[in-house]
Protein backbone atom coordinates (compact mmCIF):
# COMPACT_ATOMS: atom_id res chain seq x y z
CA MET A 1 -37.12 14.90 32.24
CA ILE A 2 -35.47 15.32 28.78
CA PHE A 3 -33.09 17.92 30.12
CA GLY A 4 -31.79 15.87 32.93
CA ARG A 5 -30.63 13.34 30.54
CA ILE A 6 -27.03 14.27 30.98
CA LYS A 7 -24.24 11.66 30.16
CA PRO A 8 -22.05 11.59 33.17
CA LEU A 9 -18.41 13.55 32.48
CA ASP A 10 -16.81 10.66 34.30
CA ALA A 11 -18.55 8.03 32.46
CA ILE A 12 -17.23 9.50 29.19
CA LEU A 13 -13.70 9.98 30.31
CA ALA A 14 -13.28 6.46 32.01
CA THR A 15 -12.25 4.97 28.66
CA ALA A 16 -9.76 7.84 27.70
CA GLU A 17 -8.19 7.73 31.00
CA LYS A 18 -7.10 3.99 30.36
CA LYS A 19 -4.25 5.23 28.41
CA SER A 20 -1.57 8.12 28.52
CA LEU A 21 0.07 9.99 25.37
CA VAL A 22 3.19 11.23 25.63
CA ARG A 23 3.39 15.45 25.51
CA THR A 24 5.56 16.10 22.80
CA LEU A 25 3.87 18.93 20.55
CA GLY A 26 5.47 22.63 21.27
CA PRO A 27 3.88 25.85 19.87
CA ILE A 28 5.47 25.84 16.51
CA GLN A 29 4.24 22.18 15.68
CA LEU A 30 0.77 23.21 16.89
CA THR A 31 0.63 26.49 14.95
CA LEU A 32 1.71 24.53 11.76
CA LEU A 33 -0.86 21.56 12.45
CA GLY A 34 -3.69 24.51 12.49
CA VAL A 35 -2.18 26.35 9.26
CA GLY A 36 -2.41 22.91 7.55
CA ALA A 37 -5.91 22.09 8.69
CA ILE A 38 -7.37 25.47 7.85
CA ILE A 39 -5.95 26.54 4.34
CA GLY A 40 -8.16 24.75 2.13
CA THR A 41 -11.47 25.44 0.55
CA GLY A 42 -12.36 28.86 1.65
CA ILE A 43 -9.48 30.52 0.28
CA PHE A 44 -9.38 28.72 -3.07
CA VAL A 45 -12.84 28.59 -3.93
CA LEU A 46 -15.13 31.22 -1.90
CA THR A 47 -12.99 34.22 -2.62
CA ALA A 48 -15.16 35.00 -5.74
CA ALA A 49 -18.43 34.60 -3.68
CA ALA A 50 -16.99 37.02 -1.13
CA ALA A 51 -16.08 39.62 -3.87
CA GLN A 52 -19.58 39.39 -5.35
CA LYS A 53 -21.22 40.45 -1.87
CA ALA A 54 -18.34 42.84 -0.38
CA GLY A 55 -16.14 43.68 -3.47
CA PRO A 56 -12.62 44.64 -1.84
CA GLY A 57 -14.19 45.09 1.57
CA MET A 58 -13.69 41.45 1.80
CA MET A 59 -10.48 41.97 3.26
CA TRP A 60 -12.60 43.45 6.38
CA SER A 61 -14.83 40.44 5.97
CA PHE A 62 -11.78 37.94 6.63
CA MET A 63 -10.57 39.64 9.79
CA ILE A 64 -14.11 39.98 11.17
CA ALA A 65 -14.39 36.26 10.49
CA GLY A 66 -11.14 35.12 11.96
CA ALA A 67 -11.70 37.30 15.16
CA VAL A 68 -14.93 35.22 15.78
CA CYS A 69 -13.29 31.94 15.15
CA ALA A 70 -10.43 32.67 17.47
CA PHE A 71 -12.98 33.42 20.25
CA ALA A 72 -14.95 30.42 19.83
CA ALA A 73 -11.75 28.19 19.25
CA LEU A 74 -10.47 29.17 22.89
CA CYS A 75 -13.73 28.02 24.27
CA TYR A 76 -13.57 24.73 21.84
CA SER A 77 -10.28 23.83 23.45
CA GLU A 78 -10.75 24.12 27.13
CA ILE A 79 -13.76 21.61 26.62
CA ALA A 80 -11.80 19.31 23.95
CA SER A 81 -8.98 18.98 26.23
CA MET A 82 -11.28 17.77 29.12
CA VAL A 83 -13.35 15.54 26.92
CA PRO A 84 -10.75 14.20 24.68
CA VAL A 85 -13.20 11.65 22.96
CA SER A 86 -15.04 11.18 19.51
CA GLY A 87 -18.16 13.24 19.07
CA SER A 88 -17.02 16.90 18.90
CA ALA A 89 -19.35 19.22 20.08
CA TYR A 90 -21.98 16.85 20.37
CA THR A 91 -20.07 14.95 23.20
CA TYR A 92 -19.21 18.20 24.90
CA THR A 93 -22.87 19.18 24.87
CA TYR A 94 -24.16 15.76 25.91
CA ALA A 95 -21.90 15.98 28.93
CA VAL A 96 -22.86 19.64 29.77
CA VAL A 97 -26.30 20.55 28.99
CA GLY A 98 -28.14 17.23 28.36
CA GLU A 99 -29.32 15.04 25.38
CA LEU A 100 -31.66 17.08 23.86
CA LEU A 101 -29.60 20.00 22.93
CA ALA A 102 -26.71 17.23 22.48
CA TRP A 103 -28.92 15.84 19.66
CA MET A 104 -29.81 19.48 18.14
CA VAL A 105 -25.88 20.06 18.04
CA GLY A 106 -25.28 16.78 16.64
CA TRP A 107 -28.02 17.22 14.03
CA ALA A 108 -26.42 20.57 13.21
CA LEU A 109 -23.20 19.28 12.65
CA ILE A 110 -24.43 17.33 9.83
CA LEU A 111 -24.60 20.81 8.31
CA GLU A 112 -21.19 21.76 9.28
CA TYR A 113 -19.45 18.18 8.13
CA ALA A 114 -21.69 16.70 5.24
CA VAL A 115 -22.80 20.06 3.61
CA ALA A 116 -19.06 21.35 3.73
CA ALA A 117 -17.90 18.29 2.35
CA SER A 118 -20.32 18.99 -0.64
CA ALA A 119 -19.15 22.39 -0.95
CA VAL A 120 -15.48 21.39 -1.32
CA SER A 121 -16.53 18.48 -3.94
CA VAL A 122 -18.26 21.72 -6.12
CA GLY A 123 -15.11 23.68 -5.61
CA TRP A 124 -12.83 20.94 -6.61
CA SER A 125 -15.01 20.47 -9.65
CA GLY A 126 -14.59 23.96 -10.46
CA TYR A 127 -10.64 23.77 -10.61
CA PHE A 128 -10.75 20.57 -12.19
CA MET A 129 -13.08 21.87 -15.14
CA GLY A 130 -10.81 25.11 -15.33
CA LEU A 131 -7.53 22.90 -15.49
CA LEU A 132 -8.93 20.42 -18.18
CA LYS A 133 -10.16 23.32 -20.23
CA SER A 134 -6.78 25.18 -20.06
CA ILE A 135 -4.63 22.29 -20.98
CA THR A 136 -6.58 19.91 -23.27
CA GLY A 137 -9.28 22.76 -24.41
CA LEU A 138 -12.01 20.11 -23.31
CA GLU A 139 -15.05 20.92 -21.33
CA LEU A 140 -18.32 19.31 -19.93
CA PRO A 141 -21.40 21.33 -21.37
CA GLN A 142 -22.18 23.46 -18.26
CA ALA A 143 -25.62 21.26 -18.06
CA LEU A 144 -23.27 18.50 -16.73
CA SER A 145 -20.76 20.50 -14.85
CA ALA A 146 -23.02 22.90 -12.79
CA GLY A 147 -26.36 22.32 -10.84
CA PRO A 148 -29.22 24.72 -10.91
CA VAL A 149 -29.61 28.19 -9.42
CA TRP A 150 -32.00 27.93 -6.40
CA THR A 151 -34.14 30.45 -5.13
CA MET A 152 -36.88 30.58 -2.41
CA ASN A 153 -40.52 31.04 -3.28
CA GLY A 154 -42.02 31.46 0.12
CA LEU A 155 -40.74 28.54 2.29
CA LEU A 156 -40.26 26.65 -0.86
CA PRO A 157 -37.23 26.20 -3.01
CA HIS A 158 -37.44 26.83 -6.71
CA ALA A 159 -34.52 25.14 -9.14
CA ASP A 160 -33.75 26.95 -12.39
CA PHE A 161 -32.25 24.67 -14.63
CA SER A 162 -31.31 26.89 -17.40
CA HIS A 163 -27.69 27.33 -16.07
CA GLY A 164 -26.91 23.86 -15.02
CA PHE A 165 -28.62 20.74 -14.47
CA ILE A 166 -26.24 18.44 -12.60
CA ASN A 167 -22.60 18.58 -11.12
CA ILE A 168 -20.93 15.22 -12.40
CA PRO A 169 -17.43 15.91 -11.51
CA ALA A 170 -18.57 16.86 -7.82
CA ILE A 171 -20.48 13.46 -7.88
CA PHE A 172 -17.36 11.89 -9.00
CA VAL A 173 -15.22 12.91 -6.47
CA ALA A 174 -17.46 12.69 -3.44
CA LEU A 175 -18.15 9.14 -4.49
CA ALA A 176 -14.57 8.65 -5.07
CA VAL A 177 -13.74 9.71 -1.51
CA THR A 178 -16.28 7.68 0.06
CA ALA A 179 -15.04 4.56 -1.23
CA LEU A 180 -11.37 5.42 0.07
CA LEU A 181 -13.13 5.83 3.54
CA VAL A 182 -15.18 2.71 3.09
CA ILE A 183 -11.96 0.68 2.32
CA GLY A 184 -10.19 2.23 4.84
CA THR A 185 -7.55 4.21 3.04
CA THR A 186 -6.42 7.28 5.19
CA GLU A 187 -3.83 9.75 4.85
CA SER A 188 -0.41 9.16 6.27
CA ALA A 189 1.24 11.96 8.00
CA ARG A 190 3.95 12.41 5.28
CA VAL A 191 0.91 12.73 2.74
CA ASN A 192 -0.45 14.94 4.54
CA ALA A 193 2.41 17.16 5.40
CA VAL A 194 3.09 17.09 1.35
CA LEU A 195 -0.39 18.36 0.79
CA VAL A 196 -0.19 20.98 3.29
CA ALA A 197 3.17 21.95 1.43
CA ILE A 198 1.55 22.14 -1.60
CA LYS A 199 -1.27 24.38 -0.56
CA VAL A 200 1.02 26.86 1.21
CA THR A 201 3.48 26.81 -1.74
CA ALA A 202 0.50 27.54 -4.04
CA LEU A 203 -0.66 30.50 -2.22
CA THR A 204 2.66 32.00 -1.49
CA ALA A 205 3.42 31.93 -5.31
CA PHE A 206 -0.08 33.56 -5.91
CA ILE A 207 1.05 36.33 -3.39
CA ILE A 208 4.51 36.78 -5.11
CA LEU A 209 2.93 36.91 -8.73
CA THR A 210 0.05 38.88 -7.90
CA LEU A 211 1.41 41.79 -5.83
CA PRO A 212 3.64 43.31 -8.15
CA ALA A 213 0.72 43.66 -10.70
CA LEU A 214 -1.61 45.11 -7.87
CA LYS A 215 -3.13 48.59 -9.21
CA THR A 216 -4.69 50.85 -6.70
CA GLY A 217 -7.57 51.93 -8.71
CA ASN A 218 -8.90 48.41 -8.33
CA PHE A 219 -9.53 48.97 -4.67
CA SER A 220 -12.12 51.76 -5.18
CA PRO A 221 -14.92 51.93 -4.71
CA PHE A 222 -13.70 49.70 -1.78
CA ALA A 223 -17.31 48.48 0.03
CA PRO A 224 -19.77 48.69 -2.98
CA ASN A 225 -22.37 47.27 -0.95
CA GLY A 226 -21.62 48.81 2.18
CA TRP A 227 -21.14 46.95 5.52
CA PHE A 228 -24.55 45.02 5.71
CA GLY A 229 -25.90 45.13 1.86
CA PRO A 230 -28.43 47.47 0.26
CA GLU A 231 -31.76 47.70 2.01
CA GLY A 232 -33.80 44.78 0.78
CA THR A 233 -30.99 42.35 0.57
CA SER A 234 -29.85 39.53 2.93
CA GLY A 235 -26.27 38.06 3.28
CA MET A 236 -24.60 40.96 1.45
CA GLY A 237 -22.02 43.54 2.16
CA ILE A 238 -19.00 43.25 3.99
CA VAL A 239 -20.53 41.53 7.31
CA GLY A 240 -22.48 39.18 5.07
CA ALA A 241 -19.29 38.02 3.28
CA ALA A 242 -17.61 37.68 6.82
CA ALA A 243 -20.85 35.23 7.33
CA SER A 244 -19.68 33.34 4.42
CA ILE A 245 -16.12 33.34 4.72
CA PHE A 246 -16.22 31.96 8.04
CA PHE A 247 -16.00 28.63 6.33
CA ALA A 248 -12.54 29.34 5.42
CA TYR A 249 -11.52 29.13 9.06
CA VAL A 250 -12.88 26.06 10.07
CA GLY A 251 -10.30 23.25 10.89
CA PHE A 252 -8.76 24.75 14.06
CA ASP A 253 -10.10 21.68 16.18
CA ALA A 254 -7.25 20.07 14.72
CA VAL A 255 -5.51 22.18 17.31
CA SER A 256 -7.69 22.12 20.07
CA THR A 257 -7.91 18.24 20.00
CA ALA A 258 -4.31 17.85 20.25
CA ALA A 259 -4.30 19.53 23.77
CA GLU A 260 -3.50 16.13 25.51
CA GLU A 261 -0.28 15.70 23.43
CA THR A 262 0.92 19.13 23.87
CA LYS A 263 3.81 20.26 26.27
CA ASN A 264 2.39 22.91 28.67
CA PRO A 265 -1.19 23.09 26.95
CA GLN A 266 -1.91 26.07 29.44
CA ARG A 267 0.36 28.31 27.35
CA ASN A 268 0.99 26.08 23.90
CA VAL A 269 -2.55 25.61 23.10
CA PRO A 270 -3.75 29.64 22.85
CA ILE A 271 -0.42 30.16 21.00
CA GLY A 272 -1.18 27.54 18.45
CA LEU A 273 -4.80 28.51 18.08
CA ILE A 274 -4.23 32.29 17.60
CA GLY A 275 -1.10 31.82 15.79
CA SER A 276 -2.44 29.49 13.03
CA LEU A 277 -5.53 31.81 12.81
CA ALA A 278 -3.41 34.73 12.50
CA LEU A 279 -1.22 33.56 10.04
CA CYS A 280 -4.23 32.27 8.04
CA THR A 281 -5.57 35.67 8.17
CA ILE A 282 -2.52 37.10 6.91
CA PHE A 283 -2.33 34.71 4.32
CA TYR A 284 -5.90 35.33 3.02
CA LEU A 285 -5.51 39.22 3.13
CA LEU A 286 -2.29 39.18 1.02
CA VAL A 287 -4.32 36.70 -1.24
CA ALA A 288 -7.35 38.83 -1.22
CA ALA A 289 -5.16 42.02 -1.97
CA GLY A 290 -3.25 40.17 -4.80
CA ALA A 291 -6.35 39.10 -6.12
CA ILE A 292 -8.13 42.51 -5.97
CA GLY A 293 -5.06 44.58 -7.08
CA ALA A 294 -4.44 42.31 -10.05
CA ILE A 295 -7.96 42.49 -11.58
CA GLY A 296 -10.46 43.86 -9.46
CA ALA A 297 -13.37 42.49 -7.54
CA GLN A 298 -16.18 44.49 -8.16
CA PRO A 299 -19.45 42.85 -8.14
CA VAL A 300 -21.57 42.43 -11.09
CA LEU A 301 -25.03 43.80 -11.62
CA GLY A 302 -28.10 41.88 -12.50
CA PRO A 303 -29.66 42.73 -16.02
CA ASP A 304 -32.08 45.23 -14.39
CA GLY A 305 -28.95 46.96 -12.56
CA SER A 306 -29.94 45.38 -9.37
CA ILE A 307 -27.65 44.21 -6.49
CA VAL A 308 -27.42 40.54 -6.89
CA ALA A 309 -26.26 37.46 -4.64
CA PRO A 310 -23.84 34.82 -5.67
CA GLY A 311 -25.35 31.81 -6.86
CA SER A 312 -28.79 33.76 -7.91
CA GLN A 313 -30.56 33.68 -11.16
CA GLY A 314 -29.73 37.29 -11.90
CA PHE A 315 -25.98 36.63 -11.03
CA ALA A 316 -25.83 33.64 -13.31
CA ALA A 317 -27.50 35.66 -15.86
CA ALA A 318 -24.76 38.59 -15.59
CA CYS A 319 -21.93 36.26 -15.66
CA ALA A 320 -23.14 34.58 -18.59
CA THR A 321 -22.66 37.74 -20.90
CA ALA A 322 -19.38 38.55 -22.49
CA ALA A 323 -18.91 41.54 -20.49
CA HIS A 324 -18.20 39.88 -17.46
CA ALA A 325 -17.13 36.34 -18.29
CA LYS A 326 -13.55 37.25 -17.19
CA ASP A 327 -14.35 38.99 -13.81
CA LEU A 328 -13.18 37.65 -10.51
CA VAL A 329 -16.44 37.00 -8.93
CA CYS A 330 -17.76 35.01 -12.17
CA SER A 331 -15.01 32.54 -11.96
CA ASN A 332 -15.26 29.08 -10.56
CA GLU A 333 -11.65 28.82 -9.84
CA ALA A 334 -10.60 32.27 -8.60
CA LEU A 335 -7.12 32.25 -7.87
CA ALA A 336 -5.85 30.29 -10.94
CA HIS A 337 -8.26 32.38 -12.95
CA VAL A 338 -6.54 35.49 -11.80
CA LEU A 339 -2.92 33.93 -12.63
CA ARG A 340 -3.80 33.40 -16.08
CA GLU A 341 -5.43 36.64 -16.65
CA ILE A 342 -2.10 38.53 -15.94
CA ASN A 343 -0.40 36.09 -18.27
CA TRP A 344 0.96 33.62 -15.77
CA THR A 345 -0.92 30.63 -17.36
CA VAL A 346 1.34 27.98 -16.52
CA VAL A 347 1.68 28.98 -12.99
CA GLY A 348 -2.12 29.35 -13.01
CA ASN A 349 -2.46 25.92 -14.11
CA ALA A 350 -0.08 24.69 -11.77
CA LEU A 351 -2.03 26.32 -8.74
CA GLY A 352 -5.28 24.72 -10.19
CA LEU A 353 -3.43 21.32 -10.16
CA ALA A 354 -2.54 21.89 -6.31
CA ALA A 355 -5.92 22.69 -5.84
CA ASN A 356 -7.15 19.37 -7.43
CA LEU A 357 -4.67 17.66 -5.33
CA ALA A 358 -5.20 19.03 -2.00
CA LEU A 359 -9.03 19.63 -1.98
CA PRO A 360 -9.90 15.91 -1.74
CA SER A 361 -7.99 15.67 1.42
CA VAL A 362 -10.11 18.12 2.65
CA ILE A 363 -13.26 16.27 1.56
CA LEU A 364 -11.79 13.01 3.27
CA MET A 365 -11.57 14.79 6.59
CA MET A 366 -15.08 16.33 6.61
CA MET A 367 -16.72 13.15 5.47
CA PHE A 368 -14.53 11.22 8.30
CA GLY A 369 -15.48 13.76 10.83
CA GLN A 370 -19.08 13.45 9.76
CA THR A 371 -19.15 9.46 10.19
CA ARG A 372 -17.51 9.60 13.36
CA ILE A 373 -20.50 12.08 14.68
CA PHE A 374 -23.21 9.51 13.28
CA PHE A 375 -21.17 6.57 14.83
CA VAL A 376 -20.98 8.02 18.18
CA MET A 377 -24.78 8.80 18.18
CA ALA A 378 -25.62 5.49 16.91
CA ARG A 379 -23.56 3.89 19.93
CA ASP A 380 -25.36 6.25 22.24
CA GLY A 381 -28.55 5.00 20.71
CA LEU A 382 -29.92 8.22 19.24
CA LEU A 383 -29.50 6.63 15.93
CA PRO A 384 -30.41 3.24 14.69
CA GLU A 385 -27.21 1.08 15.92
CA LYS A 386 -27.19 -0.61 12.44
CA LEU A 387 -25.33 2.94 11.49
CA ALA A 388 -22.57 1.79 13.53
CA SER A 389 -21.87 -1.46 12.03
CA ILE A 390 -18.15 -2.53 11.30
CA HIS A 391 -17.25 -4.14 7.83
CA PRO A 392 -15.78 -7.53 8.85
CA LYS A 393 -12.83 -7.15 6.29
CA PHE A 394 -12.32 -3.40 6.14
CA LYS A 395 -13.10 -2.68 9.71
CA THR A 396 -14.88 0.85 8.89
CA PRO A 397 -18.24 1.86 9.71
CA HIS A 398 -19.14 1.22 6.08
CA VAL A 399 -22.89 1.45 6.56
CA VAL A 400 -22.83 5.14 7.80
CA THR A 401 -19.95 5.99 5.52
CA MET A 402 -21.90 4.97 2.27
CA VAL A 403 -24.97 6.90 3.57
CA THR A 404 -23.04 9.90 4.32
CA GLY A 405 -21.13 9.81 0.63
CA VAL A 406 -24.48 9.35 -1.03
CA PHE A 407 -26.14 12.50 0.80
CA VAL A 408 -22.74 14.53 0.10
CA ALA A 409 -22.65 13.72 -3.59
CA ILE A 410 -26.60 14.76 -3.80
CA GLY A 411 -25.76 17.84 -2.40
CA ALA A 412 -22.63 18.68 -4.53
CA ALA A 413 -24.67 17.49 -7.47
CA LEU A 414 -27.34 20.13 -7.09
CA LEU A 415 -26.21 23.05 -5.12
CA PRO A 416 -23.70 25.70 -5.97
CA VAL A 417 -20.83 26.22 -3.89
CA GLY A 418 -21.42 29.41 -2.42
CA GLN A 419 -25.11 28.23 -0.89
CA LEU A 420 -23.28 25.13 0.28
CA ALA A 421 -20.93 27.01 2.24
CA ASP A 422 -23.65 29.39 3.77
CA ILE A 423 -25.62 26.43 5.04
CA SER A 424 -22.86 24.38 6.27
CA ASN A 425 -21.86 28.04 8.33
CA SER A 426 -25.27 28.17 9.78
CA GLY A 427 -24.73 24.53 11.35
CA THR A 428 -21.29 25.48 12.28
CA LEU A 429 -22.18 28.90 13.76
CA PHE A 430 -24.81 27.10 16.09
CA ALA A 431 -22.41 24.30 17.19
CA PHE A 432 -20.03 26.80 18.30
CA PHE A 433 -22.39 28.70 19.98
CA MET A 434 -23.33 25.76 22.27
CA VAL A 435 -19.71 24.93 22.85
CA SER A 436 -19.20 28.83 23.97
CA ILE A 437 -22.33 28.32 26.45
CA ALA A 438 -21.24 25.04 27.50
CA VAL A 439 -17.61 26.21 28.72
CA LEU A 440 -19.51 28.64 31.13
CA VAL A 441 -22.09 26.12 32.17
CA LEU A 442 -19.06 23.69 33.28
CA ARG A 443 -17.19 26.46 34.98
CA VAL A 444 -20.16 27.04 37.43
CA LYS A 445 -21.28 23.34 37.63
CA GLU A 446 -17.63 21.75 38.04
CA PRO A 447 -15.25 24.34 38.93
CA GLY A 448 -12.94 21.79 40.35
CA ARG A 449 -12.51 19.48 37.53
CA ALA A 450 -9.06 19.41 36.24
CA ARG A 451 -8.61 21.44 32.98
CA PRO A 452 -5.47 20.57 30.85
CA PHE A 453 -6.59 23.83 28.95
CA ARG A 454 -8.47 26.68 30.65
CA THR A 455 -9.74 29.42 28.58
CA PRO A 456 -8.36 32.97 29.29
CA LEU A 457 -10.81 35.59 30.33
CA VAL A 458 -13.38 32.88 29.86
CA TRP A 459 -16.15 35.44 31.15
CA GLY A 460 -15.62 37.71 28.49
CA ILE A 461 -14.06 35.55 25.78
CA ALA A 462 -17.03 32.80 25.87
CA PRO A 463 -19.91 35.59 25.64
CA THR A 464 -17.95 37.40 22.78
CA ALA A 465 -17.64 34.20 20.87
CA ALA A 466 -21.39 33.45 21.61
CA PHE A 467 -22.46 36.69 20.46
CA GLY A 468 -20.32 36.63 17.41
CA CYS A 469 -21.63 33.44 16.23
CA VAL A 470 -25.35 35.01 16.49
CA PHE A 471 -24.34 38.15 14.78
CA LEU A 472 -22.83 35.89 11.90
CA PHE A 473 -25.72 33.60 11.51
CA PHE A 474 -28.20 36.53 10.99
CA ASN A 475 -26.13 37.94 8.40
CA LEU A 476 -26.21 34.74 6.50
CA PRO A 477 -28.96 34.73 3.54
CA VAL A 478 -32.13 34.33 4.78
CA ASP A 479 -32.47 31.03 2.71
CA ALA A 480 -29.26 29.76 4.95
CA GLN A 481 -30.97 30.99 7.99
CA LEU A 482 -34.23 29.14 7.27
CA VAL A 483 -32.32 26.05 6.78
CA LEU A 484 -31.06 25.71 10.31
CA PRO A 485 -34.99 25.83 12.02
CA ILE A 486 -36.15 23.89 9.32
CA TRP A 487 -33.31 21.19 9.61
CA GLY A 488 -33.60 21.38 13.31
CA GLY A 489 -37.42 20.94 13.35
CA LEU A 490 -36.84 17.64 11.11
CA GLY A 491 -34.22 16.56 13.66
CA LEU A 492 -36.72 17.16 16.62
CA VAL A 493 -39.31 14.77 15.15
CA LEU A 494 -36.73 12.30 14.43
CA TYR A 495 -35.60 12.53 17.89
CA PHE A 496 -39.03 12.14 19.41
CA ILE A 497 -39.81 9.31 17.32
CA TYR A 498 -36.70 7.22 17.68
CA GLY A 499 -33.95 8.68 19.81
CA TYR A 500 -36.15 9.64 22.75
CA ARG A 501 -37.00 6.00 23.16
CA LYS A 502 -34.07 4.30 22.19
CA SER A 503 -31.46 6.44 24.19
CA HIS A 504 -28.99 4.61 26.28
CA VAL A 505 -28.93 7.22 28.62
CA GLY A 506 -32.78 7.26 28.96
CA ARG A 507 -32.84 3.53 29.40
CA GLY A 508 -30.32 3.93 32.16
CA ILE A 509 -27.32 2.36 29.93
CA VAL A 510 -24.26 4.18 30.50
CA GLU A 511 -21.37 2.99 28.43
CA THR A 512 -17.55 4.15 28.35
CA HIS A 513 -16.86 3.28 24.74
CA GLU A 514 -16.58 6.81 23.03
CA GLN A 515 -13.51 5.90 20.88
CA ASP A 516 -13.72 5.01 17.22
CA VAL A 517 -12.58 1.66 15.98
CA GLY A 518 -8.44 2.47 15.48
CA ILE A 519 -8.47 5.84 17.37
CA PRO A 520 -6.39 5.69 20.75
CA PRO A 521 -8.16 6.90 23.55
CA LEU A 522 -6.85 10.54 25.03
CA PRO A 523 -6.14 10.85 28.84
CA VAL A 524 -6.97 13.58 31.14
CA PRO A 525 -3.98 13.87 33.25
CA PRO A 526 -4.11 16.21 36.13
CA MET A 527 -1.97 19.32 35.46
CA PRO A 528 0.21 20.96 37.93
CA GLY A 529 -1.24 24.10 39.69
CA ALA A 530 -4.75 22.85 38.09
CA HIS A 531 -7.88 24.42 39.35
CA THR A 532 -9.21 23.45 42.75
CA PRO A 533 -12.29 24.27 44.60
CA GLY A 534 -12.28 27.58 45.94
CA GLY A 535 -9.66 28.85 43.38
CA GLN A 536 -10.41 31.73 40.81
CA ASP A 537 -11.29 31.34 37.17
CA ALA A 538 -9.18 32.46 34.59
């Protein structure tokens, strides 16, 4: 039976239990780790798209998305601490609810990681082109610095190349990061700390300079598109913007996967998770308030006066007019654009430079996460094992890395950042939904297993997280919603053609090698006062 194909949790943990790591991280270190991982593309790039959907009401959007992410993060942390191995939600699902759903989660994670890397690449391109023009006056033709505008014609996509043909800078950065991953160049802790400092400093400077220029009149009307958008539209309004801006919070897994190196994880992991998400939400709200108050954030209307979604043909046509050229919603480098508009040109250029320096590290981590998922799936036999080949010189999974890089570059070349973020969110929300369900299933099936971190009030938190993920998914644009079942259907075909027959679990082969090359295994040591049979759940 397909649903009986569950990879035993004890087999997955066997390798992890061979080596223990020292518990050194406290609540402050965990919180700062989370802040560094979360702040990135969402706030630098998606502010303009959120403004087009919700206007000044995007401030509510940041709070809604942050709350849903916080509930999902608490569920994620419990299973991450129990199954501290490679594979993320794919491995967790395999251990709890079986191979078929694990395959679907792993397939959906392609939308989370690879498509997100494409979105960051497009965001980097916008900041790069803006900085290049501001400093040198040079710019590429729009046909070579932006992809086409896509619309759905029934179930088939239709491309309009009148506003762009291919995004060359986005291709360049995606392939450059791919090359770095192939040869094994990764960020050191020191470089990463510098990049985190750059991001936080840039946003802090933005807040300090824009809040004094705030004009209260720019906040009215506060919700021009309402909570759910006008009738006949999808993915618009405050909730639609929240579904898109969810992208800005992904990265909390840096906290959850550090549970095994955390002192008193039962106390410090939720502090790190909620603390980092709360700090980032405050940052995001202050940045949004500064941008809105400084130059306004009202949506533009299509040529016929209708509400138009970011990335649509009507939106592109409106932004091409002189009347809207300087509007926040039309900018590809929203935060730098705001500073230039209030006569802080040098600081705006510096912020653009900060984005150019910091965003490639986000692309690297997204692509690294994707290759790790593929790598583990290939070693489970669900994908061709050739994908798990290791380069004889660089000792990296070069085949899967190059395949991933090519697809990331294609997505970045041909799709706008808003559509990429929405597509990425559809996969992310599905994966988080499955993790929220898995934590409840495992509480019922194996209540006595040691849990270094236990989700508090799990029977309230997990269902709320699952509902929140479903709620936000159905408030994405229809085309982004359709991507998930169509993509999932394609995945099912591939599974039954190849993975079902080649699966190691299906063939009775149970390995314990879940660790990536060069990544030390993590332990699951019993904790004082760990849950025992007959004890009470949180």
